[in-house]
Every structure is written in C-alpha cells, then in structure tokens.
PDB file of N, CA and C in Angstrom:
ATOM      1  N   MET A   1      26.548 -51.129  67.181  1.00  0.00           N
ATOM      2  CA  MET A   1      26.795 -49.713  67.014  1.00  0.00           C
ATOM      3  C   MET A   1      26.533 -49.325  65.552  1.00  0.00           C
ATOM      4  N   ILE A   2      25.869 -48.202  65.359  1.00  0.00           N
ATOM      5  CA  ILE A   2      25.529 -47.735  64.009  1.00  0.00           C
ATOM      6  C   ILE A   2      26.677 -46.894  63.461  1.00  0.00           C
ATOM      7  N   LYS A   3      27.069 -47.202  62.247  1.00  0.00           N
ATOM      8  CA  LYS A   3      28.142 -46.485  61.573  1.00  0.00           C
ATOM      9  C   LYS A   3      27.537 -45.661  60.442  1.00  0.00           C
ATOM     10  N   ILE A   4      27.876 -44.379  60.386  1.00  0.00           N
ATOM     11  CA  ILE A   4      27.362 -43.483  59.342  1.00  0.00           C
ATOM     12  C   ILE A   4      28.401 -43.394  58.226  1.00  0.00           C
ATOM     13  N   ILE A   5      27.970 -43.728  57.010  1.00  0.00           N
ATOM     14  CA  ILE A   5      28.855 -43.683  55.846  1.00  0.00           C
ATOM     15  C   ILE A   5      28.302 -42.650  54.872  1.00  0.00           C
ATOM     16  N   LYS A   6      29.146 -41.656  54.519  1.00  0.00           N
ATOM     17  CA  LYS A   6      28.755 -40.624  53.556  1.00  0.00           C
ATOM     18  C   LYS A   6      29.519 -40.830  52.262  1.00  0.00           C
ATOM     19  N   LYS A   7      28.780 -40.781  51.162  1.00  0.00           N
ATOM     20  CA  LYS A   7      29.387 -40.863  49.848  1.00  0.00           C
ATOM     21  C   LYS A   7      28.918 -39.649  49.051  1.00  0.00           C
ATOM     22  N   GLU A   8      29.871 -38.857  48.575  1.00  0.00           N
ATOM     23  CA  GLU A   8      29.540 -37.635  47.851  1.00  0.00           C
ATOM     24  C   GLU A   8      28.916 -37.962  46.501  1.00  0.00           C
ATOM     25  N   LEU A   9      27.820 -37.281  46.188  1.00  0.00           N
ATOM     26  CA  LEU A   9      27.156 -37.457  44.899  1.00  0.00           C
ATOM     27  C   LEU A   9      27.736 -36.470  43.895  1.00  0.00           C
ATOM     28  N   ASN A  10      27.864 -36.901  42.673  1.00  0.00           N
ATOM     29  CA  ASN A  10      28.356 -36.014  41.617  1.00  0.00           C
ATOM     30  C   ASN A  10      27.204 -35.176  41.089  1.00  0.00           C
ATOM     31  N   ILE A  11      27.510 -33.934  40.807  1.00  0.00           N
ATOM     32  CA  ILE A  11      26.527 -33.055  40.185  1.00  0.00           C
ATOM     33  C   ILE A  11      26.829 -33.047  38.686  1.00  0.00           C
ATOM     34  N   ARG A  12      25.804 -33.125  37.891  1.00  0.00           N
ATOM     35  CA  ARG A  12      26.007 -33.175  36.441  1.00  0.00           C
ATOM     36  C   ARG A  12      26.626 -31.865  35.956  1.00  0.00           C
ATOM     37  N   PRO A  13      27.595 -31.943  35.058  1.00  0.00           N
ATOM     38  CA  PRO A  13      28.285 -30.723  34.598  1.00  0.00           C
ATOM     39  C   PRO A  13      27.347 -29.697  33.978  1.00  0.00           C
ATOM     40  N   TYR A  14      26.363 -30.153  33.190  1.00  0.00           N
ATOM     41  CA  TYR A  14      25.464 -29.181  32.559  1.00  0.00           C
ATOM     42  C   TYR A  14      24.591 -28.487  33.598  1.00  0.00           C
ATOM     43  N   LEU A  15      24.250 -29.175  34.683  1.00  0.00           N
ATOM     44  CA  LEU A  15      23.456 -28.555  35.742  1.00  0.00           C
ATOM     45  C   LEU A  15      24.272 -27.488  36.456  1.00  0.00           C
ATOM     46  N   LYS A  16      25.507 -27.808  36.803  1.00  0.00           N
ATOM     47  CA  LYS A  16      26.369 -26.830  37.463  1.00  0.00           C
ATOM     48  C   LYS A  16      26.623 -25.632  36.546  1.00  0.00           C
ATOM     49  N   LYS A  17      26.798 -25.906  35.251  1.00  0.00           N
ATOM     50  CA  LYS A  17      27.036 -24.826  34.282  1.00  0.00           C
ATOM     51  C   LYS A  17      25.833 -23.882  34.224  1.00  0.00           C
ATOM     52  N   LYS A  18      24.621 -24.438  34.227  1.00  0.00           N
ATOM     53  CA  LYS A  18      23.420 -23.605  34.184  1.00  0.00           C
ATOM     54  C   LYS A  18      23.258 -22.790  35.462  1.00  0.00           C
ATOM     55  N   ILE A  19      23.585 -23.383  36.591  1.00  0.00           N
ATOM     56  CA  ILE A  19      23.488 -22.661  37.871  1.00  0.00           C
ATOM     57  C   ILE A  19      24.481 -21.502  37.893  1.00  0.00           C
ATOM     58  N   MET A  20      25.711 -21.759  37.472  1.00  0.00           N
ATOM     59  CA  MET A  20      26.724 -20.709  37.463  1.00  0.00           C
ATOM     60  C   MET A  20      26.352 -19.615  36.453  1.00  0.00           C
ATOM     61  N   TRP A  21      25.759 -19.997  35.330  1.00  0.00           N
ATOM     62  CA  TRP A  21      25.309 -19.008  34.352  1.00  0.00           C
ATOM     63  C   TRP A  21      24.230 -18.108  34.961  1.00  0.00           C
ATOM     64  N   ALA A  22      23.289 -18.714  35.682  1.00  0.00           N
ATOM     65  CA  ALA A  22      22.221 -17.931  36.315  1.00  0.00           C
ATOM     66  C   ALA A  22      22.804 -16.958  37.325  1.00  0.00           C
ATOM     67  N   GLY A  23      23.837 -17.376  38.040  1.00  0.00           N
ATOM     68  CA  GLY A  23      24.484 -16.480  39.000  1.00  0.00           C
ATOM     69  C   GLY A  23      25.187 -15.319  38.319  1.00  0.00           C
ATOM     70  N   LYS A  24      25.867 -15.589  37.209  1.00  0.00           N
ATOM     71  CA  LYS A  24      26.531 -14.513  36.467  1.00  0.00           C
ATOM     72  C   LYS A  24      25.507 -13.571  35.854  1.00  0.00           C
ATOM     73  N   TYR A  25      24.410 -14.123  35.365  1.00  0.00           N
ATOM     74  CA  TYR A  25      23.355 -13.324  34.741  1.00  0.00           C
ATOM     75  C   TYR A  25      22.739 -12.341  35.734  1.00  0.00           C
ATOM     76  N   THR A  26      22.560 -12.780  36.980  1.00  0.00           N
ATOM     77  CA  THR A  26      21.947 -11.928  38.000  1.00  0.00           C
ATOM     78  C   THR A  26      22.983 -11.228  38.870  1.00  0.00           C
ATOM     79  N   ASN A  27      24.289 -11.444  38.591  1.00  0.00           N
ATOM     80  CA  ASN A  27      25.385 -10.804  39.314  1.00  0.00           C
ATOM     81  C   ASN A  27      25.328 -11.119  40.821  1.00  0.00           C
ATOM     82  N   ILE A  28      25.235 -12.410  41.142  1.00  0.00           N
ATOM     83  CA  ILE A  28      25.156 -12.872  42.526  1.00  0.00           C
ATOM     84  C   ILE A  28      26.262 -13.893  42.767  1.00  0.00           C
ATOM     85  N   ASN A  29      26.893 -13.832  43.952  1.00  0.00           N
ATOM     86  CA  ASN A  29      27.887 -14.839  44.336  1.00  0.00           C
ATOM     87  C   ASN A  29      27.196 -16.158  44.626  1.00  0.00           C
ATOM     88  N   ILE A  30      27.697 -17.231  44.022  1.00  0.00           N
ATOM     89  CA  ILE A  30      27.078 -18.544  44.181  1.00  0.00           C
ATOM     90  C   ILE A  30      28.160 -19.565  44.528  1.00  0.00           C
ATOM     91  N   GLU A  31      27.817 -20.454  45.448  1.00  0.00           N
ATOM     92  CA  GLU A  31      28.677 -21.589  45.770  1.00  0.00           C
ATOM     93  C   GLU A  31      27.817 -22.841  45.697  1.00  0.00           C
ATOM     94  N   VAL A  32      28.281 -23.839  44.961  1.00  0.00           N
ATOM     95  CA  VAL A  32      27.545 -25.091  44.808  1.00  0.00           C
ATOM     96  C   VAL A  32      28.199 -26.150  45.695  1.00  0.00           C
ATOM     97  N   ILE A  33      27.396 -26.771  46.551  1.00  0.00           N
ATOM     98  CA  ILE A  33      27.872 -27.839  47.423  1.00  0.00           C
ATOM     99  C   ILE A  33      27.206 -29.134  46.985  1.00  0.00           C
ATOM    100  N   LYS A  34      28.032 -30.137  46.735  1.00  0.00           N
ATOM    101  CA  LYS A  34      27.505 -31.425  46.296  1.00  0.00           C
ATOM    102  C   LYS A  34      26.765 -32.116  47.435  1.00  0.00           C
ATOM    103  N   GLY A  35      25.733 -32.866  47.073  1.00  0.00           N
ATOM    104  CA  GLY A  35      24.971 -33.630  48.048  1.00  0.00           C
ATOM    105  C   GLY A  35      25.681 -34.920  48.426  1.00  0.00           C
ATOM    106  N   ASN A  36      25.109 -35.634  49.371  1.00  0.00           N
ATOM    107  CA  ASN A  36      25.695 -36.879  49.853  1.00  0.00           C
ATOM    108  C   ASN A  36      24.650 -37.983  49.887  1.00  0.00           C
ATOM    109  N   LEU A  37      25.146 -39.195  49.752  1.00  0.00           N
ATOM    110  CA  LEU A  37      24.350 -40.378  50.010  1.00  0.00           C
ATOM    111  C   LEU A  37      24.795 -40.857  51.384  1.00  0.00           C
ATOM    112  N   ILE A  38      23.874 -40.887  52.327  1.00  0.00           N
ATOM    113  CA  ILE A  38      24.198 -41.244  53.708  1.00  0.00           C
ATOM    114  C   ILE A  38      23.595 -42.610  54.002  1.00  0.00           C
ATOM    115  N   ARG A  39      24.461 -43.540  54.395  1.00  0.00           N
ATOM    116  CA  ARG A  39      24.019 -44.895  54.742  1.00  0.00           C
ATOM    117  C   ARG A  39      24.283 -45.154  56.213  1.00  0.00           C
ATOM    118  N   LEU A  40      23.346 -45.845  56.838  1.00  0.00           N
ATOM    119  CA  LEU A  40      23.517 -46.259  58.223  1.00  0.00           C
ATOM    120  C   LEU A  40      23.759 -47.763  58.227  1.00  0.00           C
ATOM    121  N   GLU A  41      24.958 -48.143  58.635  1.00  0.00           N
ATOM    122  CA  GLU A  41      25.269 -49.574  58.688  1.00  0.00           C
ATOM    123  C   GLU A  41      25.204 -50.028  60.134  1.00  0.00           C
ATOM    124  N   PRO A  42      24.743 -51.163  60.427  1.00  0.00           N
ATOM    125  CA  PRO A  42      24.453 -52.346  59.637  1.00  0.00           C
ATOM    126  C   PRO A  42      23.022 -52.391  59.111  1.00  0.00           C
ATOM    127  N   THR A  43      22.262 -51.300  59.174  1.00  0.00           N
ATOM    128  CA  THR A  43      20.896 -51.305  58.656  1.00  0.00           C
ATOM    129  C   THR A  43      20.924 -51.091  57.146  1.00  0.00           C
ATOM    130  N   ASN A  44      19.771 -51.150  56.527  1.00  0.00           N
ATOM    131  CA  ASN A  44      19.696 -50.873  55.095  1.00  0.00           C
ATOM    132  C   ASN A  44      19.073 -49.498  54.848  1.00  0.00           C
ATOM    133  N   MET A  45      19.142 -48.615  55.830  1.00  0.00           N
ATOM    134  CA  MET A  45      18.561 -47.274  55.707  1.00  0.00           C
ATOM    135  C   MET A  45      19.525 -46.347  54.978  1.00  0.00           C
ATOM    136  N   THR A  46      18.983 -45.588  54.022  1.00  0.00           N
ATOM    137  CA  THR A  46      19.777 -44.599  53.297  1.00  0.00           C
ATOM    138  C   THR A  46      19.016 -43.287  53.255  1.00  0.00           C
ATOM    139  N   TYR A  47      19.754 -42.214  53.111  1.00  0.00           N
ATOM    140  CA  TYR A  47      19.187 -40.878  53.009  1.00  0.00           C
ATOM    141  C   TYR A  47      19.980 -40.131  51.954  1.00  0.00           C
ATOM    142  N   ILE A  48      19.288 -39.418  51.087  1.00  0.00           N
ATOM    143  CA  ILE A  48      19.959 -38.628  50.062  1.00  0.00           C
ATOM    144  C   ILE A  48      19.874 -37.163  50.465  1.00  0.00           C
ATOM    145  N   GLU A  49      21.037 -36.577  50.702  1.00  0.00           N
ATOM    146  CA  GLU A  49      21.126 -35.159  51.015  1.00  0.00           C
ATOM    147  C   GLU A  49      21.257 -34.419  49.686  1.00  0.00           C
ATOM    148  N   SER A  50      20.390 -33.459  49.435  1.00  0.00           N
ATOM    149  CA  SER A  50      20.353 -32.800  48.129  1.00  0.00           C
ATOM    150  C   SER A  50      21.525 -31.844  47.936  1.00  0.00           C
ATOM    151  N   HIS A  51      21.802 -31.506  46.662  1.00  0.00           N
ATOM    152  CA  HIS A  51      22.807 -30.500  46.342  1.00  0.00           C
ATOM    153  C   HIS A  51      22.295 -29.151  46.854  1.00  0.00           C
ATOM    154  N   LYS A  52      23.227 -28.296  47.266  1.00  0.00           N
ATOM    155  CA  LYS A  52      22.835 -26.987  47.788  1.00  0.00           C
ATOM    156  C   LYS A  52      23.541 -25.882  47.017  1.00  0.00           C
ATOM    157  N   VAL A  53      22.825 -24.786  46.826  1.00  0.00           N
ATOM    158  CA  VAL A  53      23.404 -23.583  46.234  1.00  0.00           C
ATOM    159  C   VAL A  53      23.353 -22.514  47.308  1.00  0.00           C
ATOM    160  N   ILE A  54      24.525 -22.021  47.707  1.00  0.00           N
ATOM    161  CA  ILE A  54      24.582 -20.962  48.712  1.00  0.00           C
ATOM    162  C   ILE A  54      24.668 -19.636  47.974  1.00  0.00           C
ATOM    163  N   ILE A  55      23.730 -18.749  48.277  1.00  0.00           N
ATOM    164  CA  ILE A  55      23.601 -17.478  47.580  1.00  0.00           C
ATOM    165  C   ILE A  55      24.098 -16.370  48.497  1.00  0.00           C
ATOM    166  N   ASN A  56      25.124 -15.658  48.045  1.00  0.00           N
ATOM    167  CA  ASN A  56      25.729 -14.566  48.806  1.00  0.00           C
ATOM    168  C   ASN A  56      26.115 -14.980  50.221  1.00  0.00           C
ATOM    169  N   GLY A  57      26.472 -16.224  50.419  1.00  0.00           N
ATOM    170  CA  GLY A  57      26.940 -16.696  51.710  1.00  0.00           C
ATOM    171  C   GLY A  57      25.863 -16.830  52.774  1.00  0.00           C
ATOM    172  N   LYS A  58      24.590 -16.619  52.429  1.00  0.00           N
ATOM    173  CA  LYS A  58      23.527 -16.643  53.433  1.00  0.00           C
ATOM    174  C   LYS A  58      22.415 -17.618  53.088  1.00  0.00           C
ATOM    175  N   ASP A  59      21.716 -17.371  51.994  1.00  0.00           N
ATOM    176  CA  ASP A  59      20.541 -18.153  51.640  1.00  0.00           C
ATOM    177  C   ASP A  59      20.943 -19.479  51.016  1.00  0.00           C
ATOM    178  N   ILE A  60      20.165 -20.510  51.300  1.00  0.00           N
ATOM    179  CA  ILE A  60      20.437 -21.840  50.755  1.00  0.00           C
ATOM    180  C   ILE A  60      19.274 -22.264  49.868  1.00  0.00           C
ATOM    181  N   PHE A  61      19.596 -22.715  48.689  1.00  0.00           N
ATOM    182  CA  PHE A  61      18.628 -23.195  47.714  1.00  0.00           C
ATOM    183  C   PHE A  61      18.975 -24.644  47.433  1.00  0.00           C
ATOM    184  N   CYS A  62      18.076 -25.569  47.767  1.00  0.00           N
ATOM    185  CA  CYS A  62      18.342 -26.997  47.586  1.00  0.00           C
ATOM    186  C   CYS A  62      17.835 -27.459  46.226  1.00  0.00           C
ATOM    187  N   ILE A  63      18.655 -28.237  45.549  1.00  0.00           N
ATOM    188  CA  ILE A  63      18.299 -28.767  44.238  1.00  0.00           C
ATOM    189  C   ILE A  63      17.869 -30.212  44.405  1.00  0.00           C
ATOM    190  N   ASN A  64      16.770 -30.578  43.751  1.00  0.00           N
ATOM    191  CA  ASN A  64      16.245 -31.947  43.787  1.00  0.00           C
ATOM    192  C   ASN A  64      15.846 -32.384  45.186  1.00  0.00           C
ATOM    193  N   GLU A  65      15.392 -31.448  45.998  1.00  0.00           N
ATOM    194  CA  GLU A  65      14.887 -31.809  47.310  1.00  0.00           C
ATOM    195  C   GLU A  65      13.488 -32.384  47.119  1.00  0.00           C
ATOM    196  N   LEU A  66      13.146 -33.405  47.844  1.00  0.00           N
ATOM    197  CA  LEU A  66      11.870 -34.073  47.621  1.00  0.00           C
ATOM    198  C   LEU A  66      10.679 -33.208  48.038  1.00  0.00           C
ATOM    199  N   ASN A  67      10.815 -32.426  49.107  1.00  0.00           N
ATOM    200  CA  ASN A  67       9.692 -31.614  49.578  1.00  0.00           C
ATOM    201  C   ASN A  67       9.481 -30.363  48.735  1.00  0.00           C
ATOM    202  N   ASN A  68      10.552 -29.691  48.374  1.00  0.00           N
ATOM    203  CA  ASN A  68      10.467 -28.448  47.606  1.00  0.00           C
ATOM    204  C   ASN A  68      11.251 -28.612  46.323  1.00  0.00           C
ATOM    205  N   GLN A  69      10.586 -29.005  45.262  1.00  0.00           N
ATOM    206  CA  GLN A  69      11.277 -29.169  43.996  1.00  0.00           C
ATOM    207  C   GLN A  69      11.123 -27.901  43.170  1.00  0.00           C
ATOM    208  N   PHE A  70      12.243 -27.412  42.664  1.00  0.00           N
ATOM    209  CA  PHE A  70      12.254 -26.218  41.833  1.00  0.00           C
ATOM    210  C   PHE A  70      12.751 -26.596  40.453  1.00  0.00           C
ATOM    211  N   ARG A  71      12.130 -26.029  39.469  1.00  0.00           N
ATOM    212  CA  ARG A  71      12.638 -26.212  38.115  1.00  0.00           C
ATOM    213  C   ARG A  71      13.815 -25.268  37.934  1.00  0.00           C
ATOM    214  N   LEU A  72      14.744 -25.651  37.092  1.00  0.00           N
ATOM    215  CA  LEU A  72      15.950 -24.851  36.913  1.00  0.00           C
ATOM    216  C   LEU A  72      15.635 -23.463  36.364  1.00  0.00           C
ATOM    217  N   CYS A  73      14.596 -23.333  35.544  1.00  0.00           N
ATOM    218  CA  CYS A  73      14.247 -22.017  35.010  1.00  0.00           C
ATOM    219  C   CYS A  73      13.744 -21.086  36.119  1.00  0.00           C
ATOM    220  N   GLU A  74      13.282 -21.651  37.240  1.00  0.00           N
ATOM    221  CA  GLU A  74      12.845 -20.826  38.370  1.00  0.00           C
ATOM    222  C   GLU A  74      14.019 -20.291  39.170  1.00  0.00           C
ATOM    223  N   LEU A  75      15.203 -20.832  38.950  1.00  0.00           N
ATOM    224  CA  LEU A  75      16.375 -20.438  39.719  1.00  0.00           C
ATOM    225  C   LEU A  75      16.728 -18.969  39.495  1.00  0.00           C
ATOM    226  N   ILE A  76      16.640 -18.499  38.255  1.00  0.00           N
ATOM    227  CA  ILE A  76      16.954 -17.092  37.970  1.00  0.00           C
ATOM    228  C   ILE A  76      15.975 -16.179  38.698  1.00  0.00           C
ATOM    229  N   HIS A  77      14.685 -16.529  38.715  1.00  0.00           N
ATOM    230  CA  HIS A  77      13.694 -15.717  39.418  1.00  0.00           C
ATOM    231  C   HIS A  77      13.988 -15.708  40.919  1.00  0.00           C
ATOM    232  N   TYR A  78      14.416 -16.844  41.456  1.00  0.00           N
ATOM    233  CA  TYR A  78      14.766 -16.926  42.871  1.00  0.00           C
ATOM    234  C   TYR A  78      15.972 -16.036  43.171  1.00  0.00           C
ATOM    235  N   PHE A  79      16.978 -16.044  42.285  1.00  0.00           N
ATOM    236  CA  PHE A  79      18.157 -15.205  42.475  1.00  0.00           C
ATOM    237  C   PHE A  79      17.781 -13.724  42.436  1.00  0.00           C
ATOM    238  N   LYS A  80      16.940 -13.356  41.478  1.00  0.00           N
ATOM    239  CA  LYS A  80      16.526 -11.951  41.369  1.00  0.00           C
ATOM    240  C   LYS A  80      15.762 -11.515  42.610  1.00  0.00           C
ATOM    241  N   LYS A  81      14.889 -12.383  43.114  1.00  0.00           N
ATOM    242  CA  LYS A  81      14.139 -12.066  44.328  1.00  0.00           C
ATOM    243  C   LYS A  81      15.081 -11.897  45.508  1.00  0.00           C
ATOM    244  N   THR A  82      16.063 -12.781  45.617  1.00  0.00           N
ATOM    245  CA  THR A  82      17.047 -12.690  46.698  1.00  0.00           C
ATOM    246  C   THR A  82      17.877 -11.414  46.578  1.00  0.00           C
ATOM    247  N   LYS A  83      18.237 -11.056  45.353  1.00  0.00           N
ATOM    248  CA  LYS A  83      19.043  -9.855  45.126  1.00  0.00           C
ATOM    249  C   LYS A  83      18.263  -8.606  45.504  1.00  0.00           C
ATOM    250  N   SER A  84      16.958  -8.569  45.224  1.00  0.00           N
ATOM    251  CA  SER A  84      16.150  -7.396  45.552  1.00  0.00           C
ATOM    252  C   SER A  84      15.964  -7.233  47.057  1.00  0.00           C
ATOM    253  N   ILE A  85      16.014  -8.356  47.806  1.00  0.00           N
ATOM    254  CA  ILE A  85      15.879  -8.293  49.268  1.00  0.00           C
ATOM    255  C   ILE A  85      17.147  -7.722  49.892  1.00  0.00           C
ATOM    256  N   LEU A  86      18.320  -8.076  49.294  1.00  0.00           N
ATOM    257  CA  LEU A  86      19.597  -7.625  49.850  1.00  0.00           C
ATOM    258  C   LEU A  86      19.847  -6.227  49.515  1.00  0.00           C
TER     259      LEU A  86
END
C-alpha cells in the first residue's frame, strides 16, 4: 500500500515580505500558502508542490513552479493586471 507523506516547505522571509509589499503597493488582498514536499512511500518518488499566492480569494499565482516561472518583479504587474480585471 502506498503512503502519502506531506512535509510543509518553508518560505523565505524576504520572499514573503516582498510579496506582501507588492500586495500593499497595489492595494490587493493577498494570502500566501506554503508549498509541500510530497513523498510516496515505499517508493522513492517525490513531488514538490509550489508556494501559492491567492489574490482576492480567487486567482492563484504559483511561485517557483517549474512550468511557469515568474520573476518577483513581474508580480506587481500581475497584481495590477488582476486588479484592472476586477
């Protein structure tokens, strides 16, 4: 039987500080959810779930996702674009 083990990853304080600053700068509600390291035992398979930023309770912005990597300076532009849509 496969057992799923989740271990919460820590987000660096300076990264969280910059994200929260970008939210205050653009006047948007932001919630940061820490990512997880997911292991399947007894196999050696692992999966890293990226950190998520929930914007105004709807949109999700993933940090350090392998498929869609965003630079932190692009985060403010993303927030402004999201704010203009709402």
